[in-house]
Amino acid sequence: MSGLAGIPISFVGDVNISNIDAAHTDLGAALRQGSAVLVDISGVTEVDLTFVQLIEAARQASDEAGHCFELRYPAAGAVLEVLQRGGFLDDEGSDRAKFWLQGPKQ
């Protein structure tokens, strides 16, 4: 994807196991709209592993389908803390770490 093109979806506030169904529904709708999705997580203030797992599953499914799936901004704050605690960034050269830490491809 070039820059900031794609179907935008934003998550804000608390995104955790108590409301992950709504996040799943919203993300699924965005994925069905097109072959490129741009996810904004900059407004997420509280998060748990269910949200990280949801985004990871969508990233992997999009990749397998040949679709673009990118973050608008690199992970920060609460999301970055959960990624670090969960070991998602242990291999800094992995596609997963690049996805979470680099933001959209230019």
Protein backbone atom coordinates (compact mmCIF):
# COMPACT_ATOMS: atom_id res chain seq x y z
CA MET A 1 0.00 0.00 0.00
CA SER A 2 1.34 3.45 -0.72
CA GLY A 3 1.17 5.89 2.14
CA LEU A 4 -2.28 6.26 3.63
CA ALA A 5 -4.55 4.63 1.04
CA GLY A 6 -7.10 2.00 1.98
CA ILE A 7 -10.30 1.47 3.94
CA PRO A 8 -9.76 3.31 7.24
CA ILE A 9 -10.75 1.83 10.59
CA SER A 10 -10.03 3.37 13.97
CA PHE A 11 -10.10 1.94 17.45
CA VAL A 12 -10.31 4.22 20.49
CA GLY A 13 -10.52 3.91 24.25
CA ASP A 14 -10.57 0.52 25.89
CA VAL A 15 -10.38 -2.48 23.56
CA ASN A 16 -10.32 -5.68 25.58
CA ILE A 17 -12.08 -8.96 26.15
CA SER A 18 -15.23 -7.23 27.39
CA ASN A 19 -15.81 -5.48 24.04
CA ILE A 20 -13.70 -7.44 21.56
CA ASP A 21 -16.84 -8.61 19.72
CA ALA A 22 -17.54 -5.04 18.59
CA ALA A 23 -13.93 -4.61 17.46
CA HIS A 24 -14.14 -7.92 15.58
CA THR A 25 -17.36 -6.87 13.85
CA ASP A 26 -15.95 -3.47 12.84
CA LEU A 27 -12.70 -4.97 11.58
CA GLY A 28 -14.52 -7.68 9.63
CA ALA A 29 -16.66 -5.03 7.92
CA ALA A 30 -13.55 -3.07 6.91
CA LEU A 31 -11.85 -6.20 5.57
CA ARG A 32 -14.89 -7.06 3.45
CA GLN A 33 -14.97 -3.58 1.86
CA GLY A 34 -11.72 -3.84 -0.02
CA SER A 35 -8.32 -5.32 -0.46
CA ALA A 36 -6.51 -2.61 1.54
CA VAL A 37 -7.20 -1.68 5.17
CA LEU A 38 -5.52 1.08 7.16
CA VAL A 39 -5.89 0.65 10.93
CA ASP A 40 -5.55 3.54 13.37
CA ILE A 41 -4.85 2.40 16.93
CA SER A 42 -3.47 5.74 18.16
CA GLY A 43 -6.62 6.38 20.23
CA VAL A 44 -6.47 3.09 22.13
CA THR A 45 -5.93 3.79 25.83
CA GLU A 46 -6.38 0.36 27.38
CA VAL A 47 -5.84 -2.98 25.67
CA ASP A 48 -5.29 -6.65 26.36
CA LEU A 49 -4.06 -9.62 24.37
CA THR A 50 -7.43 -10.24 22.73
CA PHE A 51 -7.04 -7.04 20.71
CA VAL A 52 -3.47 -7.85 19.70
CA GLN A 53 -4.58 -11.34 18.67
CA LEU A 54 -7.48 -9.90 16.64
CA ILE A 55 -5.17 -7.54 14.74
CA GLU A 56 -2.59 -10.30 14.24
CA ALA A 57 -5.22 -12.68 12.83
CA ALA A 58 -6.47 -9.98 10.45
CA ARG A 59 -2.92 -9.15 9.39
CA GLN A 60 -2.11 -12.77 8.65
CA ALA A 61 -5.40 -13.43 6.82
CA SER A 62 -4.92 -10.30 4.71
CA ASP A 63 -1.38 -11.34 3.86
CA GLU A 64 -2.51 -14.82 2.83
CA ALA A 65 -5.21 -13.29 0.61
CA GLY A 66 -2.72 -10.90 -0.97
CA HIS A 67 -4.36 -7.85 0.57
CA CYS A 68 -2.71 -4.88 2.26
CA PHE A 69 -3.24 -4.42 5.98
CA GLU A 70 -1.28 -1.65 7.71
CA LEU A 71 -1.22 0.50 10.78
CA ARG A 72 -1.60 4.23 10.26
CA TYR A 73 0.97 4.86 13.03
CA PRO A 74 3.42 2.55 14.80
CA ALA A 75 2.19 0.95 18.02
CA ALA A 76 2.70 3.08 21.11
CA GLY A 77 1.42 3.44 24.67
CA ALA A 78 -0.80 0.67 26.01
CA VAL A 79 -0.64 -1.35 22.77
CA LEU A 80 3.15 -1.29 22.72
CA GLU A 81 3.28 -2.37 26.37
CA VAL A 82 1.07 -5.41 25.71
CA LEU A 83 3.11 -6.32 22.62
CA GLN A 84 6.32 -6.20 24.64
CA ARG A 85 4.94 -8.13 27.61
CA GLY A 86 3.42 -10.75 25.28
CA GLY A 87 6.68 -11.35 23.43
CA PHE A 88 5.26 -10.20 20.09
CA LEU A 89 8.32 -8.03 19.40
CA ASP A 90 11.10 -10.40 20.47
CA ASP A 91 12.35 -10.82 16.90
CA GLU A 92 12.71 -7.22 15.74
CA GLY A 93 13.37 -8.33 12.16
CA SER A 94 10.18 -10.35 11.83
CA ASP A 95 7.28 -9.25 9.64
CA ARG A 96 5.16 -9.05 12.78
CA ALA A 97 7.53 -6.65 14.53
CA LYS A 98 7.88 -4.55 11.39
CA PHE A 99 4.10 -4.33 11.10
CA TRP A 100 3.66 -3.10 14.67
CA LEU A 101 6.66 -0.79 14.84
CA GLN A 102 7.02 0.83 11.43
CA GLY A 103 3.56 2.06 10.48
CA PRO A 104 2.57 2.28 6.80
CA LYS A 105 4.97 1.45 4.02
CA GLN A 106 6.03 4.46 2.00
